[in-house]
Amino acid sequence: MTFFEIVKIFFEFAAVVLLIVGFINEKKVVAFEVKLARAIRIHLRNYRARKQREAQREYAAKVQKRAPEDVYEETPVLTVVGGKSSHRVA
């Protein structure tokens, strides 16, 4: 037997033992899986929120560095709806 065959047999035996232990303690394993999935979802949500805040900070820093004439300002638009048609008043 080579070293790799021994390692392979060891991992196969460990998998069988863990499978049996998993069947015996099924409720604990399911509870662990639920907690793990929840922790991953929370981590991803926090990661996305953190990245979004960083992007907003970078954008605010860029806007602050620009000259006043470069700043884009959106003018408010009023939409008048009457009868069968509607039109915008700037």
PDB file of N, CA and C in Angstrom:
ATOM      1  N   MET A   1       0.840  -1.189   0.000  1.00  0.00           N
ATOM      2  CA  MET A   1       0.000   0.000   0.000  1.00  0.00           C
ATOM      3  C   MET A   1       0.878   1.242   0.000  1.00  0.00           C
ATOM      4  N   THR A   2       0.461   2.194  -0.807  1.00  0.00           N
ATOM      5  CA  THR A   2       1.197   3.445  -0.840  1.00  0.00           C
ATOM      6  C   THR A   2       0.599   4.416   0.173  1.00  0.00           C
ATOM      7  N   PHE A   3       1.327   5.477   0.382  1.00  0.00           N
ATOM      8  CA  PHE A   3       0.892   6.491   1.342  1.00  0.00           C
ATOM      9  C   PHE A   3      -0.456   7.089   0.936  1.00  0.00           C
ATOM     10  N   PHE A   4      -0.643   7.338  -0.346  1.00  0.00           N
ATOM     11  CA  PHE A   4      -1.887   7.951  -0.823  1.00  0.00           C
ATOM     12  C   PHE A   4      -3.089   7.029  -0.628  1.00  0.00           C
ATOM     13  N   GLU A   5      -2.892   5.736  -0.771  1.00  0.00           N
ATOM     14  CA  GLU A   5      -3.980   4.792  -0.528  1.00  0.00           C
ATOM     15  C   GLU A   5      -4.373   4.769   0.947  1.00  0.00           C
ATOM     16  N   ILE A   6      -3.369   4.856   1.822  1.00  0.00           N
ATOM     17  CA  ILE A   6      -3.652   4.890   3.263  1.00  0.00           C
ATOM     18  C   ILE A   6      -4.426   6.148   3.624  1.00  0.00           C
ATOM     19  N   VAL A   7      -4.014   7.283   3.069  1.00  0.00           N
ATOM     20  CA  VAL A   7      -4.714   8.546   3.337  1.00  0.00           C
ATOM     21  C   VAL A   7      -6.143   8.471   2.798  1.00  0.00           C
ATOM     22  N   LYS A   8      -6.327   7.881   1.620  1.00  0.00           N
ATOM     23  CA  LYS A   8      -7.653   7.738   1.024  1.00  0.00           C
ATOM     24  C   LYS A   8      -8.552   6.877   1.904  1.00  0.00           C
ATOM     25  N   ILE A   9      -8.035   5.770   2.381  1.00  0.00           N
ATOM     26  CA  ILE A   9      -8.810   4.879   3.254  1.00  0.00           C
ATOM     27  C   ILE A   9      -9.165   5.601   4.554  1.00  0.00           C
ATOM     28  N   PHE A  10      -8.218   6.358   5.095  1.00  0.00           N
ATOM     29  CA  PHE A  10      -8.476   7.105   6.331  1.00  0.00           C
ATOM     30  C   PHE A  10      -9.622   8.095   6.128  1.00  0.00           C
ATOM     31  N   PHE A  11      -9.618   8.853   5.034  1.00  0.00           N
ATOM     32  CA  PHE A  11     -10.688   9.821   4.777  1.00  0.00           C
ATOM     33  C   PHE A  11     -12.031   9.126   4.514  1.00  0.00           C
ATOM     34  N   GLU A  12     -12.016   7.995   3.849  1.00  0.00           N
ATOM     35  CA  GLU A  12     -13.256   7.242   3.643  1.00  0.00           C
ATOM     36  C   GLU A  12     -13.823   6.763   4.972  1.00  0.00           C
ATOM     37  N   PHE A  13     -12.967   6.249   5.839  1.00  0.00           N
ATOM     38  CA  PHE A  13     -13.409   5.798   7.158  1.00  0.00           C
ATOM     39  C   PHE A  13     -13.949   6.978   7.973  1.00  0.00           C
ATOM     40  N   ALA A  14     -13.255   8.115   7.925  1.00  0.00           N
ATOM     41  CA  ALA A  14     -13.712   9.304   8.655  1.00  0.00           C
ATOM     42  C   ALA A  14     -15.066   9.773   8.132  1.00  0.00           C
ATOM     43  N   ALA A  15     -15.279   9.698   6.822  1.00  0.00           N
ATOM     44  CA  ALA A  15     -16.566  10.096   6.244  1.00  0.00           C
ATOM     45  C   ALA A  15     -17.690   9.190   6.721  1.00  0.00           C
ATOM     46  N   VAL A  16     -17.426   7.890   6.787  1.00  0.00           N
ATOM     47  CA  VAL A  16     -18.444   6.948   7.260  1.00  0.00           C
ATOM     48  C   VAL A  16     -18.765   7.211   8.719  1.00  0.00           C
ATOM     49  N   VAL A  17     -17.748   7.423   9.543  1.00  0.00           N
ATOM     50  CA  VAL A  17     -17.967   7.704  10.974  1.00  0.00           C
ATOM     51  C   VAL A  17     -18.753   8.999  11.142  1.00  0.00           C
ATOM     52  N   LEU A  18     -18.391  10.041  10.407  1.00  0.00           N
ATOM     53  CA  LEU A  18     -19.116  11.310  10.506  1.00  0.00           C
ATOM     54  C   LEU A  18     -20.561  11.179  10.029  1.00  0.00           C
ATOM     55  N   LEU A  19     -20.786  10.362   9.019  1.00  0.00           N
ATOM     56  CA  LEU A  19     -22.145  10.119   8.542  1.00  0.00           C
ATOM     57  C   LEU A  19     -22.989   9.442   9.618  1.00  0.00           C
ATOM     58  N   ILE A  20     -22.416   8.443  10.278  1.00  0.00           N
ATOM     59  CA  ILE A  20     -23.136   7.757  11.357  1.00  0.00           C
ATOM     60  C   ILE A  20     -23.417   8.707  12.516  1.00  0.00           C
ATOM     61  N   VAL A  21     -22.415   9.482  12.909  1.00  0.00           N
ATOM     62  CA  VAL A  21     -22.601  10.464  13.994  1.00  0.00           C
ATOM     63  C   VAL A  21     -23.653  11.491  13.580  1.00  0.00           C
ATOM     64  N   GLY A  22     -23.669  11.875  12.316  1.00  0.00           N
ATOM     65  CA  GLY A  22     -24.667  12.819  11.818  1.00  0.00           C
ATOM     66  C   GLY A  22     -26.075  12.276  11.911  1.00  0.00           C
ATOM     67  N   PHE A  23     -26.242  10.997  11.605  1.00  0.00           N
ATOM     68  CA  PHE A  23     -27.574  10.381  11.731  1.00  0.00           C
ATOM     69  C   PHE A  23     -28.007  10.291  13.191  1.00  0.00           C
ATOM     70  N   ILE A  24     -27.064  10.024  14.075  1.00  0.00           N
ATOM     71  CA  ILE A  24     -27.398   9.926  15.494  1.00  0.00           C
ATOM     72  C   ILE A  24     -27.794  11.289  16.051  1.00  0.00           C
ATOM     73  N   ASN A  25     -27.062  12.324  15.688  1.00  0.00           N
ATOM     74  CA  ASN A  25     -27.303  13.686  16.201  1.00  0.00           C
ATOM     75  C   ASN A  25     -27.905  14.574  15.123  1.00  0.00           C
ATOM     76  N   GLU A  26     -28.925  14.105  14.455  1.00  0.00           N
ATOM     77  CA  GLU A  26     -29.479  14.812  13.303  1.00  0.00           C
ATOM     78  C   GLU A  26     -30.009  16.203  13.656  1.00  0.00           C
ATOM     79  N   LYS A  27     -30.684  16.333  14.783  1.00  0.00           N
ATOM     80  CA  LYS A  27     -31.248  17.632  15.171  1.00  0.00           C
ATOM     81  C   LYS A  27     -30.155  18.667  15.394  1.00  0.00           C
ATOM     82  N   LYS A  28     -29.067  18.254  16.031  1.00  0.00           N
ATOM     83  CA  LYS A  28     -27.959  19.181  16.268  1.00  0.00           C
ATOM     84  C   LYS A  28     -27.294  19.588  14.950  1.00  0.00           C
ATOM     85  N   VAL A  29     -27.168  18.635  14.037  1.00  0.00           N
ATOM     86  CA  VAL A  29     -26.547  18.929  12.741  1.00  0.00           C
ATOM     87  C   VAL A  29     -27.420  19.900  11.953  1.00  0.00           C
ATOM     88  N   VAL A  30     -28.717  19.692  11.957  1.00  0.00           N
ATOM     89  CA  VAL A  30     -29.628  20.589  11.241  1.00  0.00           C
ATOM     90  C   VAL A  30     -29.590  21.977  11.862  1.00  0.00           C
ATOM     91  N   ALA A  31     -29.574  22.055  13.198  1.00  0.00           N
ATOM     92  CA  ALA A  31     -29.492  23.355  13.870  1.00  0.00           C
ATOM     93  C   ALA A  31     -28.190  24.065  13.500  1.00  0.00           C
ATOM     94  N   PHE A  32     -27.095  23.316  13.422  1.00  0.00           N
ATOM     95  CA  PHE A  32     -25.813  23.900  13.021  1.00  0.00           C
ATOM     96  C   PHE A  32     -25.873  24.418  11.589  1.00  0.00           C
ATOM     97  N   GLU A  33     -26.473  23.650  10.694  1.00  0.00           N
ATOM     98  CA  GLU A  33     -26.589  24.084   9.299  1.00  0.00           C
ATOM     99  C   GLU A  33     -27.406  25.364   9.185  1.00  0.00           C
ATOM    100  N   VAL A  34     -28.481  25.463   9.960  1.00  0.00           N
ATOM    101  CA  VAL A  34     -29.319  26.665   9.930  1.00  0.00           C
ATOM    102  C   VAL A  34     -28.532  27.861  10.440  1.00  0.00           C
ATOM    103  N   LYS A  35     -27.808  27.675  11.541  1.00  0.00           N
ATOM    104  CA  LYS A  35     -27.005  28.775  12.087  1.00  0.00           C
ATOM    105  C   LYS A  35     -25.902  29.201  11.116  1.00  0.00           C
ATOM    106  N   LEU A  36     -25.285  28.216  10.474  1.00  0.00           N
ATOM    107  CA  LEU A  36     -24.221  28.516   9.520  1.00  0.00           C
ATOM    108  C   LEU A  36     -24.768  29.289   8.319  1.00  0.00           C
ATOM    109  N   ALA A  37     -25.913  28.866   7.794  1.00  0.00           N
ATOM    110  CA  ALA A  37     -26.519  29.563   6.656  1.00  0.00           C
ATOM    111  C   ALA A  37     -26.902  30.990   7.054  1.00  0.00           C
ATOM    112  N   ARG A  38     -27.436  31.155   8.259  1.00  0.00           N
ATOM    113  CA  ARG A  38     -27.816  32.495   8.737  1.00  0.00           C
ATOM    114  C   ARG A  38     -26.580  33.377   8.875  1.00  0.00           C
ATOM    115  N   ALA A  39     -25.502  32.823   9.420  1.00  0.00           N
ATOM    116  CA  ALA A  39     -24.269  33.593   9.588  1.00  0.00           C
ATOM    117  C   ALA A  39     -23.708  34.017   8.228  1.00  0.00           C
ATOM    118  N   ILE A  40     -23.782  33.146   7.238  1.00  0.00           N
ATOM    119  CA  ILE A  40     -23.286  33.486   5.903  1.00  0.00           C
ATOM    120  C   ILE A  40     -24.137  34.580   5.278  1.00  0.00           C
ATOM    121  N   ARG A  41     -25.475  34.493   5.431  1.00  0.00           N
ATOM    122  CA  ARG A  41     -26.353  35.540   4.894  1.00  0.00           C
ATOM    123  C   ARG A  41     -26.071  36.880   5.553  1.00  0.00           C
ATOM    124  N   ILE A  42     -25.891  36.893   6.870  1.00  0.00           N
ATOM    125  CA  ILE A  42     -25.605  38.140   7.585  1.00  0.00           C
ATOM    126  C   ILE A  42     -24.272  38.713   7.136  1.00  0.00           C
ATOM    127  N   HIS A  43     -23.271  37.846   6.981  1.00  0.00           N
ATOM    128  CA  HIS A  43     -21.964  38.314   6.530  1.00  0.00           C
ATOM    129  C   HIS A  43     -22.050  38.935   5.139  1.00  0.00           C
ATOM    130  N   LEU A  44     -22.760  38.286   4.226  1.00  0.00           N
ATOM    131  CA  LEU A  44     -22.898  38.819   2.866  1.00  0.00           C
ATOM    132  C   LEU A  44     -23.657  40.148   2.866  1.00  0.00           C
ATOM    133  N   ARG A  45     -24.724  40.246   3.680  1.00  0.00           N
ATOM    134  CA  ARG A  45     -25.485  41.489   3.762  1.00  0.00           C
ATOM    135  C   ARG A  45     -24.607  42.621   4.288  1.00  0.00           C
ATOM    136  N   ASN A  46     -23.837  42.349   5.340  1.00  0.00           N
ATOM    137  CA  ASN A  46     -22.960  43.375   5.898  1.00  0.00           C
ATOM    138  C   ASN A  46     -21.852  43.752   4.922  1.00  0.00           C
ATOM    139  N   TYR A  47     -21.332  42.764   4.197  1.00  0.00           N
ATOM    140  CA  TYR A  47     -20.277  43.030   3.217  1.00  0.00           C
ATOM    141  C   TYR A  47     -20.798  43.944   2.104  1.00  0.00           C
ATOM    142  N   ARG A  48     -21.998  43.637   1.595  1.00  0.00           N
ATOM    143  CA  ARG A  48     -22.575  44.467   0.529  1.00  0.00           C
ATOM    144  C   ARG A  48     -22.870  45.870   1.029  1.00  0.00           C
ATOM    145  N   ALA A  49     -23.393  45.986   2.245  1.00  0.00           N
ATOM    146  CA  ALA A  49     -23.688  47.313   2.805  1.00  0.00           C
ATOM    147  C   ALA A  49     -22.405  48.101   3.006  1.00  0.00           C
ATOM    148  N   ARG A  50     -21.347  47.441   3.495  1.00  0.00           N
ATOM    149  CA  ARG A  50     -20.068  48.112   3.704  1.00  0.00           C
ATOM    150  C   ARG A  50     -19.495  48.598   2.375  1.00  0.00           C
ATOM    151  N   LYS A  51     -19.558  47.765   1.344  1.00  0.00           N
ATOM    152  CA  LYS A  51     -19.055  48.166   0.029  1.00  0.00           C
ATOM    153  C   LYS A  51     -19.860  49.340  -0.534  1.00  0.00           C
ATOM    154  N   GLN A  52     -21.176  49.320  -0.315  1.00  0.00           N
ATOM    155  CA  GLN A  52     -22.019  50.403  -0.795  1.00  0.00           C
ATOM    156  C   GLN A  52     -21.678  51.707  -0.084  1.00  0.00           C
ATOM    157  N   ARG A  53     -21.457  51.644   1.246  1.00  0.00           N
ATOM    158  CA  ARG A  53     -21.073  52.852   1.989  1.00  0.00           C
ATOM    159  C   ARG A  53     -19.729  53.385   1.517  1.00  0.00           C
ATOM    160  N   GLU A  54     -18.778  52.483   1.247  1.00  0.00           N
ATOM    161  CA  GLU A  54     -17.472  52.912   0.745  1.00  0.00           C
ATOM    162  C   GLU A  54     -17.609  53.595  -0.616  1.00  0.00           C
ATOM    163  N   ALA A  55     -18.437  53.038  -1.498  1.00  0.00           N
ATOM    164  CA  ALA A  55     -18.642  53.634  -2.814  1.00  0.00           C
ATOM    165  C   ALA A  55     -19.291  55.003  -2.688  1.00  0.00           C
ATOM    166  N   GLN A  56     -20.248  55.146  -1.763  1.00  0.00           N
ATOM    167  CA  GLN A  56     -20.883  56.444  -1.560  1.00  0.00           C
ATOM    168  C   GLN A  56     -19.880  57.469  -1.032  1.00  0.00           C
ATOM    169  N   ARG A  57     -18.984  57.025  -0.116  1.00  0.00           N
ATOM    170  CA  ARG A  57     -17.957  57.941   0.402  1.00  0.00           C
ATOM    171  C   ARG A  57     -17.013  58.382  -0.705  1.00  0.00           C
ATOM    172  N   GLU A  58     -16.608  57.438  -1.567  1.00  0.00           N
ATOM    173  CA  GLU A  58     -15.722  57.783  -2.675  1.00  0.00           C
ATOM    174  C   GLU A  58     -16.403  58.750  -3.633  1.00  0.00           C
ATOM    175  N   TYR A  59     -17.670  58.502  -3.930  1.00  0.00           N
ATOM    176  CA  TYR A  59     -18.404  59.391  -4.824  1.00  0.00           C
ATOM    177  C   TYR A  59     -18.545  60.779  -4.206  1.00  0.00           C
ATOM    178  N   ALA A  60     -18.837  60.842  -2.923  1.00  0.00           N
ATOM    179  CA  ALA A  60     -18.973  62.138  -2.248  1.00  0.00           C
ATOM    180  C   ALA A  60     -17.647  62.888  -2.262  1.00  0.00           C
ATOM    181  N   ALA A  61     -16.541  62.166  -2.104  1.00  0.00           N
ATOM    182  CA  ALA A  61     -15.227  62.812  -2.147  1.00  0.00           C
ATOM    183  C   ALA A  61     -14.942  63.355  -3.546  1.00  0.00           C
ATOM    184  N   LYS A  62     -15.331  62.608  -4.583  1.00  0.00           N
ATOM    185  CA  LYS A  62     -15.125  63.082  -5.954  1.00  0.00           C
ATOM    186  C   LYS A  62     -15.979  64.315  -6.224  1.00  0.00           C
ATOM    187  N   VAL A  63     -17.230  64.301  -5.773  1.00  0.00           N
ATOM    188  CA  VAL A  63     -18.129  65.435  -5.993  1.00  0.00           C
ATOM    189  C   VAL A  63     -17.606  66.659  -5.278  1.00  0.00           C
ATOM    190  N   GLN A  64     -17.059  66.458  -4.097  1.00  0.00           N
ATOM    191  CA  GLN A  64     -16.572  67.582  -3.308  1.00  0.00           C
ATOM    192  C   GLN A  64     -15.345  68.226  -3.961  1.00  0.00           C
ATOM    193  N   LYS A  65     -14.553  67.434  -4.696  1.00  0.00           N
ATOM    194  CA  LYS A  65     -13.357  67.957  -5.338  1.00  0.00           C
ATOM    195  C   LYS A  65     -13.662  68.722  -6.617  1.00  0.00           C
ATOM    196  N   ARG A  66     -14.844  68.474  -7.223  1.00  0.00           N
ATOM    197  CA  ARG A  66     -15.169  69.112  -8.496  1.00  0.00           C
ATOM    198  C   ARG A  66     -15.467  70.589  -8.307  1.00  0.00           C
ATOM    199  N   ALA A  67     -15.307  71.321  -9.390  1.00  0.00           N
ATOM    200  CA  ALA A  67     -15.648  72.733  -9.382  1.00  0.00           C
ATOM    201  C   ALA A  67     -17.167  72.872  -9.366  1.00  0.00           C
ATOM    202  N   PRO A  68     -17.686  73.970  -8.831  1.00  0.00           N
ATOM    203  CA  PRO A  68     -19.143  74.129  -8.733  1.00  0.00           C
ATOM    204  C   PRO A  68     -19.864  74.037 -10.077  1.00  0.00           C
ATOM    205  N   GLU A  69     -19.241  74.474 -11.155  1.00  0.00           N
ATOM    206  CA  GLU A  69     -19.920  74.412 -12.446  1.00  0.00           C
ATOM    207  C   GLU A  69     -19.988  72.994 -12.995  1.00  0.00           C
ATOM    208  N   ASP A  70     -19.177  72.073 -12.446  1.00  0.00           N
ATOM    209  CA  ASP A  70     -19.198  70.684 -12.894  1.00  0.00           C
ATOM    210  C   ASP A  70     -20.267  69.853 -12.183  1.00  0.00           C
ATOM    211  N   VAL A  71     -20.809  70.381 -11.114  1.00  0.00           N
ATOM    212  CA  VAL A  71     -21.770  69.616 -10.326  1.00  0.00           C
ATOM    213  C   VAL A  71     -23.096  69.548 -11.069  1.00  0.00           C
ATOM    214  N   TYR A  72     -23.621  68.340 -11.180  1.00  0.00           N
ATOM    215  CA  TYR A  72     -24.896  68.129 -11.868  1.00  0.00           C
ATOM    216  C   TYR A  72     -26.029  68.370 -10.891  1.00  0.00           C
ATOM    217  N   GLU A  73     -26.919  69.249 -11.262  1.00  0.00           N
ATOM    218  CA  GLU A  73     -28.086  69.521 -10.435  1.00  0.00           C
ATOM    219  C   GLU A  73     -29.331  69.204 -11.242  1.00  0.00           C
ATOM    220  N   GLU A  74     -30.182  68.391 -10.681  1.00  0.00           N
ATOM    221  CA  GLU A  74     -31.400  68.006 -11.377  1.00  0.00           C
ATOM    222  C   GLU A  74     -32.491  69.005 -11.023  1.00  0.00           C
ATOM    223  N   THR A  75     -33.144  69.531 -12.047  1.00  0.00           N
ATOM    224  CA  THR A  75     -34.228  70.470 -11.794  1.00  0.00           C
ATOM    225  C   THR A  75     -35.509  69.699 -11.533  1.00  0.00           C
ATOM    226  N   PRO A  76     -36.311  70.137 -10.594  1.00  0.00           N
ATOM    227  CA  PRO A  76     -37.555  69.415 -10.322  1.00  0.00           C
ATOM    228  C   PRO A  76     -38.529  69.512 -11.490  1.00  0.00           C
ATOM    229  N   VAL A  77     -39.243  68.460 -11.710  1.00  0.00           N
ATOM    230  CA  VAL A  77     -40.206  68.401 -12.801  1.00  0.00           C
ATOM    231  C   VAL A  77     -41.580  68.108 -12.213  1.00  0.00           C
ATOM    232  N   LEU A  78     -42.565  68.853 -12.665  1.00  0.00           N
ATOM    233  CA  LEU A  78     -43.934  68.649 -12.215  1.00  0.00           C
ATOM    234  C   LEU A  78     -44.708  68.028 -13.361  1.00  0.00           C
ATOM    235  N   THR A  79     -45.337  66.901 -13.116  1.00  0.00           N
ATOM    236  CA  THR A  79     -46.143  66.240 -14.131  1.00  0.00           C
ATOM    237  C   THR A  79     -47.606  66.534 -13.831  1.00  0.00           C
ATOM    238  N   VAL A  80     -48.262  67.124 -14.813  1.00  0.00           N
ATOM    239  CA  VAL A  80     -49.662  67.470 -14.658  1.00  0.00           C
ATOM    240  C   VAL A  80     -50.491  66.431 -15.393  1.00  0.00           C
ATOM    241  N   VAL A  81     -51.395  65.804 -14.680  1.00  0.00           N
ATOM    242  CA  VAL A  81     -52.230  64.776 -15.277  1.00  0.00           C
ATOM    243  C   VAL A  81     -53.653  65.311 -15.312  1.00  0.00           C
ATOM    244  N   GLY A  82     -54.203  65.328 -16.500  1.00  0.00           N
ATOM    245  CA  GLY A  82     -55.560  65.814 -16.613  1.00  0.00           C
ATOM    246  C   GLY A  82     -56.275  65.158 -17.768  1.00  0.00           C
ATOM    247  N   GLY A  83     -57.415  64.581 -17.511  1.00  0.00           N
ATOM    248  CA  GLY A  83     -58.203  63.964 -18.580  1.00  0.00           C
ATOM    249  C   GLY A  83     -57.488  62.776 -19.174  1.00  0.00           C
ATOM    250  N   LYS A  84     -57.314  62.792 -20.510  1.00  0.00           N
ATOM    251  CA  LYS A  84     -56.712  61.663 -21.210  1.00  0.00           C
ATOM    252  C   LYS A  84     -55.209  61.844 -21.438  1.00  0.00           C
ATOM    253  N   SER A  85     -54.656  62.996 -21.155  1.00  0.00           N
ATOM    254  CA  SER A  85     -53.249  63.220 -21.450  1.00  0.00           C
ATOM    255  C   SER A  85     -52.544  63.781 -20.205  1.00  0.00           C
ATOM    256  N   SER A  86     -51.252  63.731 -20.277  1.00  0.00           N
ATOM    257  CA  SER A  86     -50.440  64.319 -19.210  1.00  0.00           C
ATOM    258  C   SER A  86     -49.272  65.047 -19.862  1.00  0.00           C
ATOM    259  N   HIS A  87     -48.764  66.077 -19.209  1.00  0.00           N
ATOM    260  CA  HIS A  87     -47.604  66.769 -19.734  1.00  0.00           C
ATOM    261  C   HIS A  87     -46.741  67.233 -18.576  1.00  0.00           C
ATOM    262  N   ARG A  88     -45.480  67.461 -18.884  1.00  0.00           N
ATOM    263  CA  ARG A  88     -44.526  67.874 -17.851  1.00  0.00           C
ATOM    264  C   ARG A  88     -44.302  69.375 -17.940  1.00  0.00           C
ATOM    265  N   VAL A  89     -44.227  69.949 -16.760  1.00  0.00           N
ATOM    266  CA  VAL A  89     -43.941  71.375 -16.668  1.00  0.00           C
ATOM    267  C   VAL A  89     -42.620  71.504 -15.937  1.00  0.00           C
ATOM    268  N   ALA A  90     -41.638  72.117 -16.576  1.00  0.00           N
ATOM    269  CA  ALA A  90     -40.311  72.253 -15.972  1.00  0.00           C
ATOM    270  C   ALA A  90     -40.267  73.461 -15.075  1.00  0.00           C
TER     271      ALA A  90
END
